[in-house]
Structure formats: structure tokens, C-alpha cells
Amino acid sequence: MLPAKSSPTAIFADRAYNDDATLLDRSVPGAVIHDPARAAARVAEMVRACAIISESGKRIPSRIDTVCLHGDTPAALELSRAVRTTLEAEGLGPTLLAGRPI
């Protein structure tokens, strides 16, 4: 179930979040996530919780429509595979929208 009155949201698999749902500054250790298993577990937890989860553990209720990652990092391919495999294994997606092709 989605939180009421939430806007569509994209989350980043390879970035950590502050308590206000903004991205942690890249200069902070741990702001960029390079470990595919950690990224996949975080994304699955956020999708299950319908919330952005900050580094401190705060849960900010949010619709999650898209999972993004930065393709210019060395682990991008492994990150994307781990996230997709984990989400599929947990029955969390990806899913196609119903409707006519455009």
C-alpha cells in the first residue's frame, strides 16, 4: 500500500540519504555505495517499507516508482544486476504498467 498523497519518487540505489530525503554529500564517507549486495538490500527494504530510509534509519514515507543508479561508476553493472535480482527474488518488481503501448 502506498502512502497517501505522495508524489512519484525515484530512489538511488548507489547513494545514501540524509534525514530530509536529500542525498548525502559525496564528500561524506559512505555517501556513494559501491557494494552491490548492500545496494540491493537497501533498495528492497525501501520498496517494502514504501519509504526512503536515511543513513540514520529514519523512514520517510514515499512512493517509489523508479530505482536509479549512476552508470559512470565502476560497479554500475553489478549494482544493477544485484538490485534487479533481489527485487525479483522478493516479488517486488520490476513490473510493467497496464495500458496501451505508446
C-alpha atoms as a PDB file:
ATOM      1  CA  MET A   1       0.000   0.000   0.000  1.00  0.00           C
ATOM      2  CA  LEU A   2       1.331   3.424  -0.942  1.00  0.00           C
ATOM      3  CA  PRO A   3       1.407   6.376   1.428  1.00  0.00           C
ATOM      4  CA  ALA A   4      -1.478   8.776   0.873  1.00  0.00           C
ATOM      5  CA  LYS A   5      -0.898  11.875  -1.259  1.00  0.00           C
ATOM      6  CA  SER A   6       2.660  11.037  -2.211  1.00  0.00           C
ATOM      7  CA  SER A   7       4.326  12.143  -5.409  1.00  0.00           C
ATOM      8  CA  PRO A   8       6.091   9.691  -7.698  1.00  0.00           C
ATOM      9  CA  THR A   9       9.629   9.192  -6.468  1.00  0.00           C
ATOM     10  CA  ALA A  10      12.868   7.854  -7.860  1.00  0.00           C
ATOM     11  CA  ILE A  11      15.388   6.488  -5.389  1.00  0.00           C
ATOM     12  CA  PHE A  12      19.087   5.974  -5.926  1.00  0.00           C
ATOM     13  CA  ALA A  13      20.479   2.502  -5.338  1.00  0.00           C
ATOM     14  CA  ASP A  14      24.044   3.763  -5.074  1.00  0.00           C
ATOM     15  CA  ARG A  15      23.606   6.814  -2.840  1.00  0.00           C
ATOM     16  CA  ALA A  16      22.941   7.320   0.855  1.00  0.00           C
ATOM     17  CA  TYR A  17      20.255   9.669   2.157  1.00  0.00           C
ATOM     18  CA  ASN A  18      20.013  12.387   4.816  1.00  0.00           C
ATOM     19  CA  ASP A  19      17.067  12.531   7.234  1.00  0.00           C
ATOM     20  CA  ASP A  20      15.300  15.041   4.946  1.00  0.00           C
ATOM     21  CA  ALA A  21      15.428  12.603   1.974  1.00  0.00           C
ATOM     22  CA  THR A  22      18.185  14.529   0.207  1.00  0.00           C
ATOM     23  CA  LEU A  23      21.310  12.743  -0.958  1.00  0.00           C
ATOM     24  CA  LEU A  24      24.230  12.653   1.437  1.00  0.00           C
ATOM     25  CA  ASP A  25      27.050  14.875   0.167  1.00  0.00           C
ATOM     26  CA  ARG A  26      29.584  12.868  -1.850  1.00  0.00           C
ATOM     27  CA  SER A  27      32.393  14.166   0.368  1.00  0.00           C
ATOM     28  CA  VAL A  28      30.953  12.203   3.319  1.00  0.00           C
ATOM     29  CA  PRO A  29      32.353   8.671   3.683  1.00  0.00           C
ATOM     30  CA  GLY A  30      29.715   6.131   2.672  1.00  0.00           C
ATOM     31  CA  ALA A  31      27.697   8.600   0.578  1.00  0.00           C
ATOM     32  CA  VAL A  32      28.348   6.570  -2.569  1.00  0.00           C
ATOM     33  CA  ILE A  33      27.516   2.888  -2.269  1.00  0.00           C
ATOM     34  CA  HIS A  34      29.797   0.577  -4.235  1.00  0.00           C
ATOM     35  CA  ASP A  35      28.791  -2.782  -2.739  1.00  0.00           C
ATOM     36  CA  PRO A  36      26.113  -4.465  -4.906  1.00  0.00           C
ATOM     37  CA  ALA A  37      24.743  -6.583  -2.035  1.00  0.00           C
ATOM     38  CA  ARG A  38      24.351  -3.546   0.231  1.00  0.00           C
ATOM     39  CA  ALA A  39      22.699  -1.517  -2.526  1.00  0.00           C
ATOM     40  CA  ALA A  40      20.278  -4.325  -3.374  1.00  0.00           C
ATOM     41  CA  ALA A  41      19.303  -4.892   0.265  1.00  0.00           C
ATOM     42  CA  ARG A  42      18.718  -1.146   0.815  1.00  0.00           C
ATOM     43  CA  VAL A  43      16.538  -0.815  -2.275  1.00  0.00           C
ATOM     44  CA  ALA A  44      14.460  -3.864  -1.343  1.00  0.00           C
ATOM     45  CA  GLU A  45      13.993  -2.525   2.190  1.00  0.00           C
ATOM     46  CA  MET A  46      12.880   0.874   0.875  1.00  0.00           C
ATOM     47  CA  VAL A  47      10.449  -0.679  -1.616  1.00  0.00           C
ATOM     48  CA  ARG A  48       8.960  -2.960   1.072  1.00  0.00           C
ATOM     49  CA  ALA A  49       8.648  -0.032   3.502  1.00  0.00           C
ATOM     50  CA  CYS A  50       7.319   2.435   0.887  1.00  0.00           C
ATOM     51  CA  ALA A  51       9.861   4.830   2.344  1.00  0.00           C
ATOM     52  CA  ILE A  52      13.212   6.428   1.730  1.00  0.00           C
ATOM     53  CA  ILE A  53      15.463   5.199   4.523  1.00  0.00           C
ATOM     54  CA  SER A  54      18.197   7.578   5.622  1.00  0.00           C
ATOM     55  CA  GLU A  55      21.617   6.595   6.916  1.00  0.00           C
ATOM     56  CA  SER A  56      20.383   7.201  10.468  1.00  0.00           C
ATOM     57  CA  GLY A  57      17.489   4.792   9.880  1.00  0.00           C
ATOM     58  CA  LYS A  58      14.757   7.414   9.583  1.00  0.00           C
ATOM     59  CA  ARG A  59      11.925   6.306   7.304  1.00  0.00           C
ATOM     60  CA  ILE A  60      10.394   8.985   5.117  1.00  0.00           C
ATOM     61  CA  PRO A  61       7.119   7.632   3.646  1.00  0.00           C
ATOM     62  CA  SER A  62       7.277   7.865  -0.116  1.00  0.00           C
ATOM     63  CA  ARG A  63       6.004   6.312  -3.267  1.00  0.00           C
ATOM     64  CA  ILE A  64       8.844   4.555  -5.068  1.00  0.00           C
ATOM     65  CA  ASP A  65       8.302   4.338  -8.797  1.00  0.00           C
ATOM     66  CA  THR A  66      11.845   4.190 -10.143  1.00  0.00           C
ATOM     67  CA  VAL A  67      15.219   2.940  -8.982  1.00  0.00           C
ATOM     68  CA  CYS A  68      18.160   4.883 -10.415  1.00  0.00           C
ATOM     69  CA  LEU A  69      21.893   4.390 -10.261  1.00  0.00           C
ATOM     70  CA  HIS A  70      24.858   6.222 -11.672  1.00  0.00           C
ATOM     71  CA  GLY A  71      26.119   4.421 -14.765  1.00  0.00           C
ATOM     72  CA  ASP A  72      29.544   6.062 -14.630  1.00  0.00           C
ATOM     73  CA  THR A  73      30.726   4.179 -11.537  1.00  0.00           C
ATOM     74  CA  PRO A  74      32.890   1.052 -11.850  1.00  0.00           C
ATOM     75  CA  ALA A  75      30.315  -1.170 -10.118  1.00  0.00           C
ATOM     76  CA  ALA A  76      27.258   0.107 -12.042  1.00  0.00           C
ATOM     77  CA  LEU A  77      26.572  -3.108 -13.940  1.00  0.00           C
ATOM     78  CA  GLU A  78      26.983  -5.300 -10.868  1.00  0.00           C
ATOM     79  CA  LEU A  79      24.807  -2.922  -8.838  1.00  0.00           C
ATOM     80  CA  SER A  80      22.004  -3.007 -11.387  1.00  0.00           C
ATOM     81  CA  ARG A  81      22.103  -6.796 -11.630  1.00  0.00           C
ATOM     82  CA  ALA A  82      22.071  -7.227  -7.848  1.00  0.00           C
ATOM     83  CA  VAL A  83      19.163  -4.798  -7.397  1.00  0.00           C
ATOM     84  CA  ARG A  84      17.070  -6.438 -10.112  1.00  0.00           C
ATOM     85  CA  THR A  85      17.842  -9.982  -8.904  1.00  0.00           C
ATOM     86  CA  THR A  86      16.976  -9.082  -5.313  1.00  0.00           C
ATOM     87  CA  LEU A  87      13.744  -7.280  -6.210  1.00  0.00           C
ATOM     88  CA  GLU A  88      12.613 -10.147  -8.446  1.00  0.00           C
ATOM     89  CA  ALA A  89      13.501 -12.766  -5.811  1.00  0.00           C
ATOM     90  CA  GLU A  90      11.404 -10.903  -3.246  1.00  0.00           C
ATOM     91  CA  GLY A  91       8.486 -10.414  -5.643  1.00  0.00           C
ATOM     92  CA  LEU A  92       8.951  -6.642  -5.646  1.00  0.00           C
ATOM     93  CA  GLY A  93       9.361  -5.947  -9.346  1.00  0.00           C
ATOM     94  CA  PRO A  94      10.037  -4.761 -11.884  1.00  0.00           C
ATOM     95  CA  THR A  95       6.518  -4.602 -13.279  1.00  0.00           C
ATOM     96  CA  LEU A  96       5.038  -3.276 -16.478  1.00  0.00           C
ATOM     97  CA  LEU A  97       2.283  -0.721 -16.359  1.00  0.00           C
ATOM     98  CA  ALA A  98      -1.048  -1.813 -17.774  1.00  0.00           C
ATOM     99  CA  GLY A  99      -2.200   0.072 -20.815  1.00  0.00           C
ATOM    100  CA  ARG A 100      -1.555   0.535 -24.477  1.00  0.00           C
ATOM    101  CA  PRO A 101       1.953   0.856 -25.875  1.00  0.00           C
ATOM    102  CA  ILE A 102       2.843   4.369 -26.943  1.00  0.00           C
END
